[in-house]
Amino acid sequence: RDSLIGTATGGGRRGISGGERKRVAVAAELVVRPALLFLDEPTSGLDSTSAQSLMVTLRELASMGHAIAVVIHQPRTAIYSLVDHLLLLSRGHTVYNGRTCDARAFLESAPTVEPLPAETGIADWLMDSISQDEDRVDGGALPKFWTENKEKAVLLTSSAQCDSETSLAVVTKMSKSTGGARRRSTLKELNATRKFETSFWMQLKLLLHRTLKQQRGERLTAFTAGLSLVYLFFTCLFWWRIPDDTSRIFERNSLFFFILIGQSNGVVTSSITVFQQERSLLQRERAKKLYRVLPYFLAKTLSDMTNNVLLPCLYGALVYWAANLRPTAKHFFQFLLSYYISLSTAQSMGLFLSIAIPSMQIALILAPPVTLFFLIMGGFYIPYENMHVAIRWASWLSFARYGYSSLLINEFSGRDVPCAVGDAPISVGGSGEDGQCPFPGDDVVAGLGVDGISTNFWFNVLMLFVFQVFFRVASYGLLVKSKR
């Protein structure tokens, strides 16, 4: 209890031991009280006490109406006595299939099997008999004996009762020694329960809590923080305290696109990596019907909004001061809003790619060119009016266009840009005339290719929000569809 389980992926955090993981896996299967439960060697790696305790619990569940099939290796006699039906295999061939209490009588009737010695556990005797039979020159006689005499097992079942020390009696005695019998219910009652016994809001709360705890201290989070520091270093190195005059307009322009390019690529890659690591766990838990898809998706969306985007936005706040951008509170917070929603949209696109492409390797290969296409269509490298007519329309489908435009508008629109000392003002293609000083900021925006409705800051923010919602809804649709 209250122990770190750890992560299944390589390089993750270590947690509980292998035996404890096995018991947690069994407990996770039992959460939804399945009608049929198949367990592959659940006692392997456990000490004798833990193995017996686990099997007692499974036997109790069987008495409540669950069908439980267990693959078990070299069990103790006490564990063996808990089993109702036994299937013995030798090199993949059936040696015995019937009631556990009849296995001894059947195998002792085989001419190649020695009787059960005194003070020898029946489980050990069965395994020794099979091993000795496999070592025979003829490759083993027991599978052939079963094929020729399986009717004898049927006669044993119909003609005799098991000993009084049956599995049910054993489990009753063990249950009393471990704290009393548990509540029993029939299979009909189990099937009558709701498909999901926890409410939507409880599922959302628990999944969000788990997701936030999983991401806390992850190496990927530390890597993202380190990457932001590297970007901050280069930003300060090249754009430290840019003078606010006409001679540095293009430096500010390049800064905006640099911070979009760098952080967008990092956020997309991080989003793909994180979800691909969660995919196998999600598939297992969905198969068990532990929760609905919607609360999982909402929990992931909320955690992404805090963990994957807030750190780069802290970087954006530091950049705003370091680069000497527009010194008003209003434009500072508008900058953060635009930058935040731009990165959040990039993160949503990364999630969409990760869900649409099951292979992490392929997703990571395709993500850079897809992201680069959106960034190129953003208008920094090639002005919109200079794009070929066949692809110009695609710029409206680029989230980078709206992020880049909103940053430009926030910095230049609605003010005049002072002229540099000793320099004549130079028009950058807007409506202003050469020699005008100070230079209108709206002309700067127009000269950089942003015109029409795109000059409205809130229009660009709204379009970013629309893109984010589109990627999220599409991602959710793919998740739901993947279940079928």
Protein backbone atom coordinates (compact mmCIF):
# COMPACT_ATOMS: atom_id res chain seq x y z
CA ARG A 1 0.00 0.00 0.00
CA ASP A 2 1.14 3.58 -0.78
CA SER A 3 4.10 2.20 -2.76
CA LEU A 4 5.37 3.41 -6.11
CA ILE A 5 4.54 0.77 -8.72
CA GLY A 6 6.93 2.21 -11.29
CA THR A 7 6.79 2.30 -15.08
CA ALA A 8 6.80 -0.54 -17.56
CA THR A 9 8.88 1.22 -20.21
CA GLY A 10 12.64 1.11 -20.33
CA GLY A 11 14.41 3.94 -18.58
CA GLY A 12 11.38 4.67 -16.40
CA ARG A 13 11.13 4.83 -12.64
CA ARG A 14 11.65 1.66 -10.63
CA GLY A 15 9.03 0.69 -8.10
CA ILE A 16 7.75 -2.49 -6.49
CA SER A 17 9.23 -5.95 -7.02
CA GLY A 18 8.16 -8.38 -9.70
CA GLY A 19 6.10 -10.44 -7.29
CA GLU A 20 4.29 -7.37 -6.04
CA ARG A 21 3.66 -6.27 -9.62
CA LYS A 22 2.06 -9.65 -10.28
CA ARG A 23 -0.32 -9.26 -7.35
CA VAL A 24 -1.17 -5.72 -8.47
CA ALA A 25 -1.92 -7.06 -11.97
CA VAL A 26 -4.26 -9.68 -10.51
CA ALA A 27 -5.94 -7.04 -8.33
CA ALA A 28 -6.43 -4.81 -11.36
CA GLU A 29 -8.19 -7.66 -13.15
CA LEU A 30 -10.46 -8.23 -10.15
CA VAL A 31 -11.60 -4.61 -9.92
CA VAL A 32 -14.40 -5.19 -12.43
CA ARG A 33 -15.28 -8.63 -11.00
CA PRO A 34 -15.00 -10.53 -14.30
CA ALA A 35 -17.11 -13.63 -14.94
CA LEU A 36 -14.06 -15.35 -16.48
CA LEU A 37 -10.49 -14.80 -15.32
CA PHE A 38 -7.44 -16.45 -16.89
CA LEU A 39 -4.12 -16.13 -15.04
CA ASP A 40 -0.74 -17.25 -16.39
CA GLU A 41 1.48 -18.42 -13.50
CA PRO A 42 0.23 -15.90 -10.92
CA THR A 43 2.28 -17.52 -8.13
CA SER A 44 5.63 -17.48 -9.93
CA GLY A 45 8.08 -15.20 -8.14
CA LEU A 46 6.04 -15.15 -4.93
CA ASP A 47 7.06 -16.65 -1.61
CA SER A 48 5.01 -19.59 -0.32
CA THR A 49 2.86 -17.49 2.02
CA SER A 50 2.02 -14.89 -0.62
CA ALA A 51 1.32 -17.58 -3.22
CA GLN A 52 -1.06 -19.41 -0.90
CA SER A 53 -2.80 -16.19 0.11
CA LEU A 54 -3.33 -15.31 -3.55
CA MET A 55 -4.74 -18.74 -4.39
CA VAL A 56 -7.08 -18.65 -1.38
CA THR A 57 -8.45 -15.34 -2.65
CA LEU A 58 -8.93 -16.79 -6.13
CA ARG A 59 -10.67 -19.86 -4.67
CA GLU A 60 -13.05 -17.62 -2.75
CA LEU A 61 -13.85 -15.78 -5.96
CA ALA A 62 -14.52 -19.10 -7.68
CA SER A 63 -16.99 -20.00 -4.94
CA MET A 64 -18.77 -16.69 -5.63
CA GLY A 65 -19.51 -17.68 -9.22
CA HIS A 66 -16.41 -16.60 -11.14
CA ALA A 67 -14.80 -19.02 -13.58
CA ILE A 68 -11.04 -18.89 -12.93
CA ALA A 69 -8.43 -20.71 -15.02
CA VAL A 70 -4.87 -20.71 -13.67
CA VAL A 71 -1.63 -21.89 -15.25
CA ILE A 72 0.52 -22.91 -12.29
CA HIS A 73 3.98 -24.44 -11.98
CA GLN A 74 5.10 -26.75 -9.15
CA PRO A 75 2.37 -25.85 -6.62
CA ARG A 76 2.45 -26.75 -2.93
CA THR A 77 0.05 -29.42 -1.69
CA ALA A 78 -2.02 -26.77 0.10
CA ILE A 79 -2.37 -24.81 -3.13
CA TYR A 80 -3.05 -27.95 -5.16
CA SER A 81 -5.97 -28.83 -2.87
CA LEU A 82 -7.65 -25.50 -3.70
CA VAL A 83 -8.12 -26.47 -7.35
CA ASP A 84 -11.40 -28.03 -8.53
CA HIS A 85 -10.44 -29.11 -12.04
CA LEU A 86 -6.97 -30.13 -13.22
CA LEU A 87 -5.43 -30.20 -16.68
CA LEU A 88 -1.98 -31.83 -16.79
CA LEU A 89 0.21 -31.32 -19.85
CA SER A 90 3.41 -32.98 -21.01
CA ARG A 91 5.16 -31.26 -23.89
CA GLY A 92 1.86 -29.79 -25.00
CA HIS A 93 -0.04 -33.11 -24.85
CA THR A 94 -2.78 -33.90 -22.37
CA VAL A 95 -1.87 -36.32 -19.58
CA TYR A 96 -4.98 -35.80 -17.46
CA ASN A 97 -8.08 -33.62 -17.61
CA GLY A 98 -10.66 -33.95 -14.86
CA ARG A 99 -11.40 -33.45 -11.18
CA THR A 100 -8.34 -32.71 -9.10
CA CYS A 101 -9.22 -35.33 -6.51
CA ASP A 102 -9.32 -38.07 -9.20
CA ALA A 103 -5.89 -37.34 -10.71
CA ARG A 104 -4.00 -39.63 -8.34
CA ALA A 105 -6.23 -42.65 -8.95
CA PHE A 106 -6.08 -42.20 -12.70
CA LEU A 107 -2.30 -41.84 -12.98
CA GLU A 108 -1.61 -44.67 -10.54
CA SER A 109 -3.53 -46.91 -12.93
CA ALA A 110 -0.95 -46.19 -15.64
CA PRO A 111 1.60 -49.04 -15.88
CA THR A 112 4.58 -46.68 -16.13
CA VAL A 113 3.76 -44.60 -13.03
CA GLU A 114 4.97 -45.48 -9.53
CA PRO A 115 2.40 -45.15 -6.70
CA LEU A 116 2.45 -42.02 -4.57
CA PRO A 117 5.15 -42.51 -1.90
CA ALA A 118 4.36 -41.80 1.71
CA GLU A 119 5.12 -38.27 2.93
CA THR A 120 5.37 -36.99 -0.64
CA GLY A 121 3.19 -34.14 -1.80
CA ILE A 122 0.81 -35.08 -4.57
CA ALA A 123 1.75 -32.06 -6.67
CA ASP A 124 5.44 -33.00 -6.53
CA TRP A 125 4.56 -36.61 -7.34
CA LEU A 126 2.57 -35.56 -10.40
CA MET A 127 5.41 -33.41 -11.72
CA ASP A 128 8.00 -36.14 -11.06
CA SER A 129 5.85 -38.73 -12.83
CA ILE A 130 5.49 -36.52 -15.89
CA SER A 131 9.22 -35.68 -15.94
CA GLN A 132 10.21 -39.36 -15.69
CA ASP A 133 7.77 -40.21 -18.46
CA GLU A 134 9.22 -37.51 -20.73
CA ASP A 135 12.70 -39.00 -20.25
CA ARG A 136 11.63 -42.36 -21.65
CA VAL A 137 13.18 -43.57 -24.88
CA ASP A 138 9.80 -43.80 -26.57
CA GLY A 139 9.14 -40.10 -25.82
CA GLY A 140 6.52 -40.66 -23.13
CA ALA A 141 3.63 -43.07 -22.59
CA LEU A 142 1.29 -40.94 -20.46
CA PRO A 143 -0.25 -38.88 -23.31
CA LYS A 144 -1.04 -42.12 -25.14
CA PHE A 145 -2.41 -43.64 -21.94
CA TRP A 146 -4.76 -40.66 -21.53
CA THR A 147 -5.96 -40.92 -25.12
CA GLU A 148 -6.77 -44.61 -24.68
CA ASN A 149 -8.23 -44.37 -21.17
CA LYS A 150 -9.87 -40.94 -20.87
CA GLU A 151 -13.22 -42.67 -20.32
CA LYS A 152 -11.80 -43.96 -17.05
CA ALA A 153 -11.53 -40.37 -15.77
CA VAL A 154 -15.21 -39.87 -16.61
CA LEU A 155 -16.12 -43.01 -14.65
CA LEU A 156 -14.08 -41.83 -11.67
CA THR A 157 -15.95 -38.52 -11.69
CA SER A 158 -19.38 -40.14 -11.83
CA SER A 159 -18.75 -42.98 -9.38
CA ALA A 160 -16.92 -41.35 -6.49
CA GLN A 161 -16.97 -38.29 -4.33
CA CYS A 162 -13.85 -36.35 -3.45
CA ASP A 163 -12.43 -36.59 0.04
CA SER A 164 -14.02 -34.56 2.78
CA GLU A 165 -11.01 -32.31 2.75
CA THR A 166 -12.19 -30.74 -0.50
CA SER A 167 -11.01 -27.50 -1.92
CA LEU A 168 -14.05 -25.73 -0.52
CA ALA A 169 -13.36 -27.05 2.96
CA VAL A 170 -9.73 -26.02 2.68
CA VAL A 171 -10.54 -22.51 1.58
CA THR A 172 -13.15 -22.15 4.34
CA LYS A 173 -10.59 -23.11 6.95
CA MET A 174 -7.97 -20.78 5.47
CA SER A 175 -10.43 -17.92 5.19
CA LYS A 176 -11.17 -18.12 8.90
CA SER A 177 -7.48 -17.99 9.69
CA THR A 178 -7.03 -14.87 7.53
CA GLY A 179 -9.89 -12.79 8.80
CA GLY A 180 -13.21 -14.53 8.08
CA ALA A 181 -15.29 -15.40 5.06
CA ARG A 182 -16.12 -12.69 2.59
CA ARG A 183 -19.49 -11.74 1.17
CA ARG A 184 -20.65 -14.10 -1.57
CA SER A 185 -22.86 -13.35 -4.51
CA THR A 186 -24.02 -15.36 -7.47
CA LEU A 187 -22.90 -14.92 -11.06
CA LYS A 188 -26.38 -13.65 -11.87
CA GLU A 189 -25.99 -10.88 -9.30
CA LEU A 190 -22.58 -9.97 -10.69
CA ASN A 191 -23.95 -9.67 -14.20
CA ALA A 192 -26.79 -7.50 -12.94
CA THR A 193 -24.40 -4.81 -11.72
CA ARG A 194 -23.79 -1.67 -13.76
CA LYS A 195 -21.23 -1.73 -16.52
CA PHE A 196 -19.29 1.03 -14.75
CA GLU A 197 -19.87 1.20 -11.01
CA THR A 198 -18.00 4.48 -10.57
CA SER A 199 -19.50 7.72 -11.80
CA PHE A 200 -18.12 9.73 -14.70
CA TRP A 201 -16.79 12.42 -12.36
CA MET A 202 -15.09 9.90 -10.08
CA GLN A 203 -13.40 8.29 -13.08
CA LEU A 204 -12.24 11.71 -14.26
CA LYS A 205 -10.94 12.64 -10.81
CA LEU A 206 -9.01 9.39 -10.33
CA LEU A 207 -7.57 9.36 -13.85
CA LEU A 208 -6.48 12.99 -13.61
CA HIS A 209 -4.86 12.36 -10.24
CA ARG A 210 -3.02 9.32 -11.60
CA THR A 211 -1.89 11.10 -14.77
CA LEU A 212 -0.51 14.07 -12.87
CA LYS A 213 1.35 11.77 -10.46
CA GLN A 214 2.77 9.72 -13.33
CA GLN A 215 4.12 12.80 -15.09
CA ARG A 216 5.60 14.26 -11.92
CA GLY A 217 9.33 13.65 -11.96
CA GLU A 218 9.35 11.88 -15.33
CA ARG A 219 12.64 12.08 -17.22
CA LEU A 220 10.82 13.45 -20.24
CA THR A 221 9.55 16.38 -18.16
CA ALA A 222 13.09 17.08 -16.97
CA PHE A 223 14.30 16.87 -20.57
CA THR A 224 11.63 19.36 -21.67
CA ALA A 225 12.73 21.73 -18.90
CA GLY A 226 16.35 21.41 -19.99
CA LEU A 227 15.40 22.02 -23.61
CA SER A 228 13.54 25.19 -22.63
CA LEU A 229 16.66 26.42 -20.81
CA VAL A 230 18.73 25.80 -23.95
CA TYR A 231 16.24 27.78 -26.04
CA LEU A 232 16.27 30.54 -23.43
CA PHE A 233 20.06 30.70 -23.60
CA PHE A 234 20.09 31.10 -27.39
CA THR A 235 17.25 33.61 -27.24
CA CYS A 236 19.14 35.78 -24.78
CA LEU A 237 22.32 35.34 -26.80
CA PHE A 238 20.83 36.63 -30.06
CA TRP A 239 17.86 38.79 -29.01
CA TRP A 240 18.94 40.32 -25.70
CA ARG A 241 17.15 43.62 -25.00
CA ILE A 242 16.34 44.47 -28.62
CA PRO A 243 16.09 48.26 -29.08
CA ASP A 244 12.53 49.33 -29.79
CA ASP A 245 13.06 51.17 -33.06
CA THR A 246 12.71 50.72 -36.78
CA SER A 247 16.18 49.27 -37.21
CA ARG A 248 15.23 46.14 -35.23
CA ILE A 249 11.80 45.33 -36.67
CA PHE A 250 13.02 42.24 -38.49
CA GLU A 251 14.85 41.00 -35.40
CA ARG A 252 11.60 41.02 -33.46
CA ASN A 253 9.88 39.33 -36.37
CA SER A 254 12.47 36.54 -36.45
CA LEU A 255 12.24 36.13 -32.67
CA PHE A 256 8.53 35.37 -32.83
CA PHE A 257 8.99 32.65 -35.41
CA PHE A 258 12.00 31.19 -33.63
CA ILE A 259 10.13 30.66 -30.38
CA LEU A 260 7.22 29.11 -32.29
CA ILE A 261 9.46 26.74 -34.26
CA GLY A 262 11.60 25.56 -31.36
CA GLN A 263 8.91 24.96 -28.78
CA SER A 264 6.33 23.58 -31.23
CA ASN A 265 8.70 20.84 -32.36
CA GLY A 266 9.52 19.95 -28.77
CA VAL A 267 5.87 19.88 -27.68
CA VAL A 268 4.80 17.70 -30.63
CA THR A 269 7.60 15.20 -29.99
CA SER A 270 6.86 15.10 -26.26
CA SER A 271 3.17 14.51 -26.90
CA ILE A 272 3.86 11.60 -29.25
CA THR A 273 6.34 9.97 -26.89
CA VAL A 274 4.13 10.25 -23.80
CA PHE A 275 1.02 8.80 -25.42
CA GLN A 276 2.87 5.95 -27.13
CA GLN A 277 4.18 4.92 -23.70
CA GLU A 278 0.62 4.97 -22.35
CA ARG A 279 -0.97 3.15 -25.28
CA SER A 280 -0.48 -0.45 -24.07
CA LEU A 281 -1.73 0.41 -20.57
CA LEU A 282 -4.78 2.15 -22.03
CA GLN A 283 -5.59 -0.85 -24.22
CA ARG A 284 -5.37 -3.27 -21.28
CA GLU A 285 -7.50 -1.12 -19.01
CA ARG A 286 -10.10 -0.49 -21.70
CA ALA A 287 -10.33 -4.23 -22.32
CA LYS A 288 -11.08 -4.67 -18.61
CA LYS A 289 -13.69 -1.89 -18.80
CA LEU A 290 -12.08 -0.06 -15.89
CA TYR A 291 -13.23 3.30 -17.23
CA ARG A 292 -14.82 5.03 -20.19
CA VAL A 293 -12.79 6.65 -22.96
CA LEU A 294 -14.17 10.15 -22.35
CA PRO A 295 -12.96 10.62 -18.74
CA TYR A 296 -9.54 9.24 -19.72
CA PHE A 297 -9.32 11.65 -22.64
CA LEU A 298 -10.46 14.65 -20.59
CA ALA A 299 -7.98 13.76 -17.82
CA LYS A 300 -5.19 13.58 -20.39
CA THR A 301 -6.25 16.88 -21.94
CA LEU A 302 -6.24 18.65 -18.57
CA SER A 303 -2.87 17.19 -17.60
CA ASP A 304 -1.41 18.17 -20.98
CA MET A 305 -2.59 21.74 -20.46
CA THR A 306 -0.60 21.94 -17.24
CA ASN A 307 2.46 19.74 -17.73
CA ASN A 308 3.32 19.94 -21.42
CA VAL A 309 2.60 23.60 -22.12
CA LEU A 310 3.05 25.64 -18.93
CA LEU A 311 6.80 25.08 -18.85
CA PRO A 312 7.35 26.48 -22.37
CA CYS A 313 5.05 29.36 -21.45
CA LEU A 314 7.30 30.16 -18.49
CA TYR A 315 10.05 30.29 -21.08
CA GLY A 316 7.88 32.71 -23.09
CA ALA A 317 7.45 35.00 -20.08
CA LEU A 318 11.22 35.16 -19.59
CA VAL A 319 11.74 35.77 -23.31
CA TYR A 320 9.29 38.68 -23.23
CA TRP A 321 11.43 40.46 -20.66
CA ALA A 322 14.80 39.41 -22.10
CA ALA A 323 13.93 40.58 -25.63
CA ASN A 324 12.53 43.94 -24.44
CA LEU A 325 9.13 43.47 -26.05
CA ARG A 326 6.18 45.86 -25.73
CA PRO A 327 6.29 47.05 -22.09
CA THR A 328 2.61 47.02 -21.08
CA ALA A 329 0.77 44.51 -18.89
CA LYS A 330 -2.03 44.12 -21.43
CA HIS A 331 0.27 43.13 -24.26
CA PHE A 332 2.37 40.92 -21.98
CA PHE A 333 -0.65 38.79 -21.05
CA GLN A 334 -1.91 38.79 -24.63
CA PHE A 335 1.52 37.51 -25.69
CA LEU A 336 1.34 34.70 -23.13
CA LEU A 337 -2.20 33.81 -24.20
CA SER A 338 -1.26 33.66 -27.86
CA TYR A 339 1.93 31.71 -27.18
CA TYR A 340 0.17 29.30 -24.82
CA ILE A 341 -2.65 28.46 -27.19
CA SER A 342 -0.19 28.11 -30.10
CA LEU A 343 1.82 25.50 -28.19
CA SER A 344 -1.33 23.84 -26.91
CA THR A 345 -2.52 23.50 -30.51
CA ALA A 346 0.83 21.99 -31.50
CA GLN A 347 0.53 19.57 -28.58
CA SER A 348 -2.97 18.60 -29.71
CA MET A 349 -1.66 17.94 -33.21
CA GLY A 350 1.06 15.71 -31.73
CA LEU A 351 -1.56 13.75 -29.80
CA PHE A 352 -3.60 13.32 -32.98
CA LEU A 353 -0.57 11.97 -34.87
CA SER A 354 0.28 9.64 -32.00
CA ILE A 355 -3.22 8.14 -31.92
CA ALA A 356 -3.53 7.95 -35.70
CA ILE A 357 -0.13 6.24 -36.10
CA PRO A 358 0.26 3.23 -33.74
CA SER A 359 4.03 2.95 -34.25
CA MET A 360 6.11 5.40 -32.22
CA GLN A 361 9.00 5.18 -34.69
CA ILE A 362 6.81 6.06 -37.67
CA ALA A 363 5.02 8.81 -35.73
CA LEU A 364 8.33 10.41 -34.72
CA ILE A 365 9.56 10.21 -38.33
CA LEU A 366 6.43 11.82 -39.77
CA ALA A 367 5.99 14.49 -37.08
CA PRO A 368 8.91 16.79 -38.14
CA PRO A 369 7.87 17.15 -41.82
CA VAL A 370 4.21 17.64 -40.86
CA THR A 371 5.15 20.31 -38.31
CA LEU A 372 7.59 21.91 -40.76
CA PHE A 373 4.88 22.16 -43.41
CA PHE A 374 2.60 24.06 -41.03
CA LEU A 375 5.48 26.33 -40.01
CA ILE A 376 6.50 27.10 -43.60
CA MET A 377 2.91 27.97 -44.41
CA GLY A 378 2.94 30.34 -41.44
CA GLY A 379 4.17 33.23 -43.61
CA PHE A 380 7.62 33.91 -42.18
CA TYR A 381 9.79 32.23 -44.81
CA ILE A 382 7.53 33.03 -47.76
CA PRO A 383 4.98 35.88 -47.64
CA TYR A 384 1.47 34.70 -48.37
CA GLU A 385 1.16 36.76 -51.56
CA ASN A 386 4.38 35.19 -52.93
CA MET A 387 3.18 31.61 -52.45
CA HIS A 388 2.13 29.67 -55.53
CA VAL A 389 -1.60 29.98 -56.09
CA ALA A 390 -1.97 26.20 -55.90
CA ILE A 391 -0.82 26.09 -52.27
CA ARG A 392 -1.63 29.60 -51.03
CA TRP A 393 -4.97 28.43 -49.67
CA ALA A 394 -3.14 25.93 -47.43
CA SER A 395 -1.78 28.79 -45.32
CA TRP A 396 -5.28 29.18 -43.86
CA LEU A 397 -4.99 25.60 -42.58
CA SER A 398 -1.72 26.31 -40.77
CA PHE A 399 -2.01 26.93 -37.04
CA ALA A 400 1.43 28.58 -37.24
CA ARG A 401 -0.07 31.34 -39.40
CA TYR A 402 -2.42 32.42 -36.63
CA GLY A 403 0.14 32.08 -33.87
CA TYR A 404 2.74 34.06 -35.80
CA SER A 405 0.22 36.74 -36.86
CA SER A 406 -1.12 37.21 -33.34
CA LEU A 407 2.40 37.75 -31.96
CA LEU A 408 3.15 40.33 -34.68
CA ILE A 409 -0.12 42.18 -34.10
CA ASN A 410 0.36 42.18 -30.35
CA GLU A 411 3.82 43.73 -30.70
CA PHE A 412 3.29 46.31 -33.45
CA SER A 413 -0.39 47.04 -34.03
CA GLY A 414 -1.92 50.21 -32.61
CA ARG A 415 1.33 52.08 -31.95
CA ASP A 416 4.13 53.90 -33.70
CA VAL A 417 7.60 52.41 -33.89
CA PRO A 418 10.29 54.99 -32.99
CA CYS A 419 12.99 55.69 -35.54
CA ALA A 420 16.53 54.63 -34.82
CA VAL A 421 18.85 57.48 -33.86
CA GLY A 422 20.70 58.72 -36.93
CA ASP A 423 18.75 56.46 -39.30
CA ALA A 424 16.09 57.43 -41.78
CA PRO A 425 12.91 55.41 -41.47
CA ILE A 426 12.44 52.81 -44.19
CA SER A 427 9.06 51.57 -45.34
CA VAL A 428 8.60 47.82 -45.09
CA GLY A 429 5.86 47.71 -47.69
CA GLY A 430 2.87 49.19 -45.87
CA SER A 431 0.98 52.39 -46.52
CA GLY A 432 3.48 54.61 -44.75
CA GLU A 433 5.72 56.89 -46.77
CA ASP A 434 9.50 56.91 -46.59
CA GLY A 435 10.67 59.59 -44.25
CA GLN A 436 7.70 59.29 -41.91
CA CYS A 437 8.80 59.19 -38.31
CA PRO A 438 7.81 57.50 -36.08
CA PHE A 439 6.72 54.62 -38.27
CA PRO A 440 3.12 53.28 -37.94
CA GLY A 441 3.09 49.80 -36.39
CA ASP A 442 0.08 48.79 -38.48
CA ASP A 443 2.19 49.39 -41.59
CA VAL A 444 4.82 47.06 -40.16
CA VAL A 445 2.19 44.33 -39.75
CA ALA A 446 0.89 44.89 -43.28
CA GLY A 447 4.40 44.95 -44.70
CA LEU A 448 5.09 41.54 -43.16
CA GLY A 449 2.15 40.04 -45.03
CA VAL A 450 -0.61 40.18 -42.42
CA ASP A 451 -3.68 41.95 -43.77
CA GLY A 452 -7.45 41.77 -43.89
CA ILE A 453 -9.21 39.92 -41.10
CA SER A 454 -5.87 38.44 -40.04
CA THR A 455 -4.93 41.82 -38.54
CA ASN A 456 -7.43 41.19 -35.73
CA PHE A 457 -5.62 39.72 -32.73
CA TRP A 458 -8.69 37.95 -31.34
CA PHE A 459 -9.54 36.43 -34.72
CA ASN A 460 -6.16 34.70 -34.71
CA VAL A 461 -6.61 33.51 -31.13
CA LEU A 462 -10.06 32.17 -32.01
CA MET A 463 -8.68 30.28 -35.01
CA LEU A 464 -5.99 28.73 -32.83
CA PHE A 465 -8.69 27.61 -30.42
CA VAL A 466 -10.70 26.14 -33.32
CA PHE A 467 -7.66 24.17 -34.51
CA GLN A 468 -7.02 22.90 -31.00
CA VAL A 469 -10.63 21.75 -30.60
CA PHE A 470 -10.49 20.08 -34.02
CA PHE A 471 -7.36 18.08 -33.18
CA ARG A 472 -8.78 17.09 -29.78
CA VAL A 473 -12.16 16.00 -31.14
CA ALA A 474 -10.47 14.08 -33.97
CA SER A 475 -8.14 12.41 -31.46
CA TYR A 476 -11.07 11.39 -29.28
CA GLY A 477 -12.89 10.00 -32.31
CA LEU A 478 -9.86 7.90 -33.24
CA LEU A 479 -9.61 6.56 -29.69
CA VAL A 480 -13.26 5.54 -29.65
CA LYS A 481 -12.99 3.98 -33.10
CA SER A 482 -9.87 2.01 -32.15
CA LYS A 483 -11.99 0.05 -29.66
CA ARG A 484 -14.00 -1.54 -32.44
